[in-house]
């Protein structure tokens, strides 16, 4: 069992930055590909970013490319999402997610993630 705990959300203004963190329990974090998803009010859950476990290759949804950066610290068992130039449309609850042990490739499909955090609210005020 893996527990994921997100933090770092908050209320910011247009153009501000935030860094989300996701702390993972256990000793298998480095063997799992990880992802960030978000759910805006009244909308479906949306893929945001993912990072592989081996080569740390990354993938982003087009709407955040050039503004968000996903990274991981396998020593600290922590996943990050650096969010710059925030826009009102980035307002959502952000969730981190973990794939099964040994999954080296990132994926955008939420059904391929087996553990989820409780989410952290990000609100960008206009």
N, C-alpha and C. Protein backbone atom coordinates (compact mmCIF):
# COMPACT_ATOMS: atom_id res chain seq x y z
N UNK A 1 0.85 -1.19 0.00
CA UNK A 1 0.00 0.00 0.00
C UNK A 1 0.88 1.24 0.00
N UNK A 2 0.53 2.20 -0.82
CA UNK A 2 1.26 3.46 -0.92
C UNK A 2 0.31 4.60 -0.58
N UNK A 3 0.76 5.47 0.28
CA UNK A 3 -0.01 6.67 0.57
C UNK A 3 0.64 7.88 -0.08
N UNK A 4 -0.19 8.69 -0.71
CA UNK A 4 0.27 9.89 -1.38
C UNK A 4 -0.39 11.10 -0.74
N UNK A 5 0.40 12.08 -0.36
CA UNK A 5 -0.12 13.27 0.29
C UNK A 5 0.35 14.50 -0.45
N UNK A 6 -0.59 15.21 -1.06
CA UNK A 6 -0.27 16.44 -1.79
C UNK A 6 -0.26 17.63 -0.85
N UNK A 7 0.51 18.63 -1.23
CA UNK A 7 0.53 19.89 -0.50
C UNK A 7 0.98 20.99 -1.46
N UNK A 8 0.81 22.23 -1.01
CA UNK A 8 1.32 23.35 -1.80
C UNK A 8 0.28 24.13 -2.56
N UNK A 9 -0.97 23.68 -2.52
CA UNK A 9 -2.01 24.42 -3.22
C UNK A 9 -2.34 25.71 -2.50
N UNK A 10 -3.17 26.53 -3.14
CA UNK A 10 -3.56 27.78 -2.51
C UNK A 10 -4.28 28.70 -3.46
N UNK A 11 -4.52 29.91 -2.99
CA UNK A 11 -5.17 30.96 -3.79
C UNK A 11 -4.11 31.93 -4.28
N UNK A 12 -4.02 32.07 -5.58
CA UNK A 12 -3.02 32.96 -6.17
C UNK A 12 -3.68 33.82 -7.23
N UNK A 13 -2.91 34.77 -7.75
CA UNK A 13 -3.41 35.65 -8.80
C UNK A 13 -2.84 35.23 -10.15
N UNK A 14 -3.44 35.74 -11.19
CA UNK A 14 -2.98 35.45 -12.55
C UNK A 14 -1.49 35.78 -12.67
N UNK A 15 -0.75 34.83 -13.25
CA UNK A 15 0.68 35.03 -13.47
C UNK A 15 1.57 34.57 -12.33
N UNK A 16 0.97 34.24 -11.21
CA UNK A 16 1.75 33.77 -10.06
C UNK A 16 2.24 32.34 -10.28
N UNK A 17 3.05 31.89 -9.34
CA UNK A 17 3.59 30.53 -9.39
C UNK A 17 3.25 29.78 -8.12
N UNK A 18 3.18 28.47 -8.24
CA UNK A 18 3.01 27.57 -7.11
C UNK A 18 3.83 26.32 -7.37
N UNK A 19 4.28 25.68 -6.30
CA UNK A 19 4.90 24.37 -6.44
C UNK A 19 4.13 23.38 -5.59
N UNK A 20 3.56 22.40 -6.25
CA UNK A 20 2.87 21.33 -5.55
C UNK A 20 3.87 20.23 -5.23
N UNK A 21 3.66 19.60 -4.09
CA UNK A 21 4.47 18.46 -3.68
C UNK A 21 3.57 17.27 -3.41
N UNK A 22 4.10 16.10 -3.61
CA UNK A 22 3.36 14.87 -3.32
C UNK A 22 4.34 13.93 -2.62
N UNK A 23 4.13 13.73 -1.33
CA UNK A 23 4.99 12.85 -0.55
C UNK A 23 4.44 11.43 -0.58
N UNK A 24 5.29 10.48 -0.91
CA UNK A 24 4.87 9.09 -1.02
C UNK A 24 5.45 8.26 0.11
N UNK A 25 4.64 7.37 0.65
CA UNK A 25 5.12 6.47 1.70
C UNK A 25 5.77 5.24 1.06
N UNK A 26 6.50 4.50 1.87
CA UNK A 26 7.08 3.25 1.39
C UNK A 26 8.42 3.44 0.71
N UNK A 27 8.93 2.30 0.19
CA UNK A 27 10.27 2.32 -0.40
C UNK A 27 10.26 1.98 -1.88
N UNK A 28 9.09 2.11 -2.52
CA UNK A 28 9.00 1.74 -3.93
C UNK A 28 8.80 2.93 -4.85
N UNK A 29 8.89 4.13 -4.31
CA UNK A 29 8.62 5.33 -5.10
C UNK A 29 9.48 5.37 -6.35
N UNK A 30 10.77 5.08 -6.22
CA UNK A 30 11.68 5.20 -7.36
C UNK A 30 11.37 4.20 -8.47
N UNK A 31 10.60 3.18 -8.17
CA UNK A 31 10.25 2.15 -9.16
C UNK A 31 8.90 2.39 -9.83
N UNK A 32 8.30 3.51 -9.54
CA UNK A 32 6.97 3.80 -10.08
C UNK A 32 7.00 5.05 -10.95
N UNK A 33 6.37 4.96 -12.11
CA UNK A 33 6.09 6.18 -12.86
C UNK A 33 4.95 6.92 -12.17
N UNK A 34 4.98 8.24 -12.25
CA UNK A 34 4.06 9.08 -11.48
C UNK A 34 3.38 10.09 -12.39
N UNK A 35 2.25 10.60 -11.91
CA UNK A 35 1.54 11.58 -12.71
C UNK A 35 0.79 12.59 -11.85
N UNK A 36 0.44 13.69 -12.48
CA UNK A 36 -0.44 14.71 -11.89
C UNK A 36 -1.69 14.80 -12.76
N UNK A 37 -2.83 14.88 -12.10
CA UNK A 37 -4.11 15.08 -12.75
C UNK A 37 -4.82 16.23 -12.05
N UNK A 38 -5.85 16.75 -12.67
CA UNK A 38 -6.64 17.79 -12.04
C UNK A 38 -8.11 17.65 -12.42
N UNK A 39 -8.97 18.17 -11.54
CA UNK A 39 -10.39 18.20 -11.81
C UNK A 39 -10.92 19.58 -11.49
N UNK A 40 -11.39 20.25 -12.51
CA UNK A 40 -11.99 21.57 -12.34
C UNK A 40 -13.47 21.41 -12.04
N UNK A 41 -14.09 22.39 -11.41
CA UNK A 41 -15.51 22.30 -11.09
C UNK A 41 -16.35 22.02 -12.33
N UNK A 42 -17.17 20.99 -12.25
CA UNK A 42 -18.07 20.67 -13.34
C UNK A 42 -17.41 20.00 -14.54
N UNK A 43 -16.14 19.63 -14.40
CA UNK A 43 -15.43 19.02 -15.53
C UNK A 43 -14.90 17.64 -15.16
N UNK A 44 -14.50 16.92 -16.20
CA UNK A 44 -13.91 15.60 -16.00
C UNK A 44 -12.47 15.74 -15.49
N UNK A 45 -12.01 14.68 -14.85
CA UNK A 45 -10.60 14.63 -14.45
C UNK A 45 -9.72 14.71 -15.69
N UNK A 46 -8.65 15.48 -15.60
CA UNK A 46 -7.80 15.75 -16.74
C UNK A 46 -6.35 15.43 -16.42
N UNK A 47 -5.67 14.77 -17.36
CA UNK A 47 -4.24 14.54 -17.23
C UNK A 47 -3.51 15.87 -17.32
N UNK A 48 -2.50 16.05 -16.48
CA UNK A 48 -1.68 17.26 -16.50
C UNK A 48 -0.25 16.96 -16.91
N UNK A 49 0.39 16.03 -16.19
CA UNK A 49 1.80 15.74 -16.46
C UNK A 49 2.14 14.37 -15.90
N UNK A 50 3.18 13.77 -16.47
CA UNK A 50 3.66 12.47 -15.99
C UNK A 50 5.16 12.38 -16.15
N UNK A 51 5.76 11.52 -15.33
CA UNK A 51 7.21 11.34 -15.38
C UNK A 51 7.52 9.86 -15.19
N UNK A 52 8.44 9.36 -16.00
CA UNK A 52 8.78 7.95 -15.91
C UNK A 52 9.70 7.69 -14.74
N UNK A 53 9.85 6.42 -14.39
CA UNK A 53 10.67 6.07 -13.23
C UNK A 53 12.13 5.88 -13.59
N UNK A 54 12.41 5.51 -14.85
CA UNK A 54 13.80 5.18 -15.20
C UNK A 54 14.54 6.39 -15.74
N UNK A 55 14.09 6.94 -16.85
CA UNK A 55 14.86 8.01 -17.49
C UNK A 55 14.30 9.39 -17.20
N UNK A 56 13.23 9.41 -16.39
CA UNK A 56 12.58 10.68 -16.01
C UNK A 56 12.08 11.44 -17.23
N UNK A 57 11.74 10.73 -18.27
CA UNK A 57 11.09 11.39 -19.39
C UNK A 57 9.73 11.89 -18.94
N UNK A 58 9.26 12.94 -19.58
CA UNK A 58 8.04 13.59 -19.14
C UNK A 58 7.06 13.80 -20.27
N UNK A 59 5.80 14.02 -19.87
CA UNK A 59 4.75 14.31 -20.84
C UNK A 59 3.80 15.31 -20.21
N UNK A 60 3.32 16.27 -21.02
CA UNK A 60 2.42 17.30 -20.50
C UNK A 60 1.21 17.43 -21.40
N UNK A 61 0.11 17.83 -20.82
CA UNK A 61 -1.03 18.23 -21.62
C UNK A 61 -0.66 19.55 -22.30
N UNK A 62 -1.16 19.75 -23.50
CA UNK A 62 -0.75 20.92 -24.28
C UNK A 62 -0.98 22.24 -23.55
N UNK A 63 -2.03 22.32 -22.79
CA UNK A 63 -2.40 23.59 -22.15
C UNK A 63 -1.41 24.04 -21.08
N UNK A 64 -0.53 23.15 -20.62
CA UNK A 64 0.42 23.55 -19.58
C UNK A 64 1.87 23.52 -20.06
N UNK A 65 2.09 23.09 -21.28
CA UNK A 65 3.46 23.01 -21.80
C UNK A 65 4.13 24.38 -21.77
N UNK A 66 5.36 24.40 -21.29
CA UNK A 66 6.10 25.65 -21.18
C UNK A 66 5.81 26.42 -19.91
N UNK A 67 4.79 26.01 -19.16
CA UNK A 67 4.45 26.69 -17.90
C UNK A 67 4.64 25.78 -16.68
N UNK A 68 4.33 24.51 -16.83
CA UNK A 68 4.43 23.55 -15.72
C UNK A 68 5.63 22.64 -15.93
N UNK A 69 6.24 22.22 -14.82
CA UNK A 69 7.34 21.27 -14.87
C UNK A 69 7.14 20.21 -13.80
N UNK A 70 7.13 18.96 -14.23
CA UNK A 70 7.03 17.85 -13.29
C UNK A 70 8.44 17.34 -13.01
N UNK A 71 8.69 16.98 -11.76
CA UNK A 71 9.99 16.45 -11.39
C UNK A 71 9.81 15.52 -10.19
N UNK A 72 10.87 14.80 -9.89
CA UNK A 72 10.80 13.86 -8.77
C UNK A 72 12.13 13.81 -8.04
N UNK A 73 12.06 13.56 -6.74
CA UNK A 73 13.25 13.36 -5.92
C UNK A 73 13.10 11.98 -5.29
N UNK A 74 13.83 11.02 -5.82
CA UNK A 74 13.68 9.64 -5.34
C UNK A 74 14.30 9.42 -3.97
N UNK A 75 15.15 10.32 -3.53
CA UNK A 75 15.70 10.22 -2.18
C UNK A 75 14.65 10.66 -1.15
N UNK A 76 13.94 11.72 -1.49
CA UNK A 76 12.91 12.25 -0.59
C UNK A 76 11.53 11.61 -0.83
N UNK A 77 11.44 10.71 -1.81
CA UNK A 77 10.15 10.08 -2.14
C UNK A 77 9.07 11.13 -2.42
N UNK A 78 9.44 12.13 -3.20
CA UNK A 78 8.53 13.24 -3.43
C UNK A 78 8.43 13.57 -4.91
N UNK A 79 7.22 13.82 -5.33
CA UNK A 79 6.91 14.27 -6.68
C UNK A 79 6.55 15.75 -6.61
N UNK A 80 6.96 16.49 -7.63
CA UNK A 80 6.69 17.93 -7.65
C UNK A 80 5.99 18.35 -8.93
N UNK A 81 5.29 19.46 -8.83
CA UNK A 81 4.74 20.10 -10.02
C UNK A 81 4.95 21.61 -9.84
N UNK A 82 5.91 22.13 -10.57
CA UNK A 82 6.15 23.57 -10.56
C UNK A 82 5.22 24.21 -11.57
N UNK A 83 4.41 25.14 -11.12
CA UNK A 83 3.41 25.77 -11.97
C UNK A 83 3.70 27.27 -12.05
N UNK A 84 4.03 27.73 -13.23
CA UNK A 84 4.32 29.15 -13.45
C UNK A 84 3.26 29.76 -14.37
N UNK A 85 3.21 31.08 -14.36
CA UNK A 85 2.28 31.81 -15.24
C UNK A 85 0.87 31.25 -15.14
N UNK A 86 0.40 31.12 -13.94
CA UNK A 86 -0.90 30.49 -13.71
C UNK A 86 -2.03 31.32 -14.30
N UNK A 87 -3.03 30.60 -14.78
CA UNK A 87 -4.20 31.21 -15.42
C UNK A 87 -5.47 30.76 -14.68
N UNK A 88 -6.54 31.50 -14.82
CA UNK A 88 -7.80 31.10 -14.16
C UNK A 88 -8.23 29.68 -14.55
N UNK A 89 -7.94 29.29 -15.79
CA UNK A 89 -8.34 27.95 -16.23
C UNK A 89 -7.52 26.84 -15.59
N UNK A 90 -6.49 27.18 -14.84
CA UNK A 90 -5.74 26.19 -14.08
C UNK A 90 -6.40 25.88 -12.73
N UNK A 91 -7.43 26.62 -12.40
CA UNK A 91 -8.14 26.38 -11.14
C UNK A 91 -8.74 24.98 -11.13
N UNK A 92 -8.38 24.21 -10.11
CA UNK A 92 -8.82 22.81 -10.02
C UNK A 92 -8.28 22.20 -8.73
N UNK A 93 -8.77 21.02 -8.44
CA UNK A 93 -8.13 20.18 -7.43
C UNK A 93 -7.09 19.33 -8.15
N UNK A 94 -5.88 19.36 -7.65
CA UNK A 94 -4.78 18.63 -8.28
C UNK A 94 -4.47 17.38 -7.47
N UNK A 95 -4.33 16.27 -8.21
CA UNK A 95 -4.08 14.98 -7.60
C UNK A 95 -2.78 14.38 -8.14
N UNK A 96 -2.00 13.79 -7.27
CA UNK A 96 -0.88 12.99 -7.75
C UNK A 96 -1.30 11.53 -7.76
N UNK A 97 -0.64 10.77 -8.60
CA UNK A 97 -1.01 9.37 -8.77
C UNK A 97 0.23 8.54 -9.06
N UNK A 98 0.19 7.29 -8.64
CA UNK A 98 1.32 6.39 -8.81
C UNK A 98 0.90 5.15 -9.59
N UNK A 99 1.79 4.70 -10.45
CA UNK A 99 1.55 3.47 -11.19
C UNK A 99 2.10 2.29 -10.38
N UNK A 100 1.89 1.10 -10.86
CA UNK A 100 2.39 -0.09 -10.20
C UNK A 100 3.91 -0.11 -10.18
N UNK A 101 4.48 -0.85 -9.24
CA UNK A 101 5.92 -1.02 -9.16
C UNK A 101 6.41 -1.64 -10.47
N UNK A 102 7.51 -1.09 -10.97
CA UNK A 102 8.10 -1.63 -12.18
C UNK A 102 7.58 -1.01 -13.46
N UNK A 103 6.64 -0.08 -13.34
CA UNK A 103 6.11 0.59 -14.53
C UNK A 103 7.05 1.74 -14.87
N UNK A 104 7.83 1.54 -15.90
CA UNK A 104 8.87 2.52 -16.21
C UNK A 104 8.41 3.62 -17.13
N UNK A 105 7.27 3.43 -17.78
CA UNK A 105 6.82 4.37 -18.80
C UNK A 105 5.71 5.24 -18.25
N UNK A 106 5.71 6.52 -18.62
CA UNK A 106 4.60 7.38 -18.20
C UNK A 106 3.38 7.06 -19.04
N UNK A 107 2.22 7.43 -18.54
CA UNK A 107 0.98 7.27 -19.28
C UNK A 107 0.03 8.40 -18.92
N UNK A 108 -0.83 8.75 -19.86
CA UNK A 108 -1.82 9.81 -19.62
C UNK A 108 -3.16 9.24 -19.17
N UNK A 109 -3.28 7.92 -19.16
CA UNK A 109 -4.56 7.27 -18.85
C UNK A 109 -4.70 7.10 -17.35
N UNK A 110 -5.67 7.72 -16.71
CA UNK A 110 -5.82 7.60 -15.25
C UNK A 110 -6.09 6.17 -14.80
N UNK A 111 -6.63 5.35 -15.68
CA UNK A 111 -6.93 3.95 -15.32
C UNK A 111 -5.66 3.13 -15.10
N UNK A 112 -4.53 3.64 -15.53
CA UNK A 112 -3.26 2.95 -15.36
C UNK A 112 -2.52 3.34 -14.09
N UNK A 113 -3.17 4.14 -13.26
CA UNK A 113 -2.59 4.53 -11.97
C UNK A 113 -3.36 3.82 -10.86
N UNK A 114 -2.63 3.33 -9.89
CA UNK A 114 -3.28 2.50 -8.87
C UNK A 114 -3.41 3.19 -7.51
N UNK A 115 -2.63 4.23 -7.29
CA UNK A 115 -2.73 4.96 -6.02
C UNK A 115 -2.92 6.44 -6.32
N UNK A 116 -3.77 7.06 -5.49
CA UNK A 116 -4.10 8.47 -5.66
C UNK A 116 -4.03 9.19 -4.33
N UNK A 117 -3.62 10.45 -4.40
CA UNK A 117 -3.67 11.29 -3.22
C UNK A 117 -5.05 11.88 -3.02
N UNK A 118 -5.20 12.68 -1.97
CA UNK A 118 -6.50 13.24 -1.63
C UNK A 118 -6.76 14.54 -2.38
N UNK A 119 -5.73 15.11 -2.97
CA UNK A 119 -5.89 16.32 -3.76
C UNK A 119 -5.56 17.58 -2.99
N UNK A 120 -5.15 18.60 -3.73
CA UNK A 120 -4.89 19.91 -3.16
C UNK A 120 -5.50 20.97 -4.08
N UNK A 121 -6.18 21.93 -3.49
CA UNK A 121 -6.92 22.93 -4.28
C UNK A 121 -5.98 24.03 -4.76
N UNK A 122 -6.08 24.33 -6.04
CA UNK A 122 -5.38 25.47 -6.63
C UNK A 122 -6.45 26.40 -7.21
N UNK A 123 -6.44 27.63 -6.76
CA UNK A 123 -7.39 28.62 -7.26
C UNK A 123 -6.63 29.83 -7.77
N UNK A 124 -6.87 30.15 -9.03
CA UNK A 124 -6.21 31.30 -9.65
C UNK A 124 -7.27 32.38 -9.84
N UNK A 125 -7.09 33.45 -9.13
CA UNK A 125 -8.07 34.53 -9.14
C UNK A 125 -7.80 35.51 -10.27
N UNK A 126 -8.88 35.91 -10.91
CA UNK A 126 -8.75 36.91 -11.97
C UNK A 126 -9.10 38.29 -11.44
